[in-house]
Amino acid sequence: MKLSEQLQLLDRLNGLILRKGTGNYLSLSYRLAISPRQVYYLLDALKDLGAEIAYCKVQQSYYYVNERGLDFSGLVLSGKNGS
């Protein structure tokens, strides 16, 4: 997977977490069209970037503990060649 694709996935995941609309890891993998294992890799990547992420069993969604997401606006590339 290319860096631009990973950044786009991280940005999408960030948005879903902010809206508390991720569902469990299986539904999240379906929504993002990736494997469940990749979901965990992406969550770990967000945590490595300083995000505090937890899972709510009642709402069945991941959420940011500190209510703040990450800003990927300057990093997310669009298009096939990153342009």
Foldseek 3Di string as FASTA:
>chain_A
DDPLLLLVLLVVLLVCQLVQNQAALVSNCVVSVHDSVVSVVSVVVQVVVPFAWDADPVSRGIYTPVSDTDDCPVPRADDDVRD
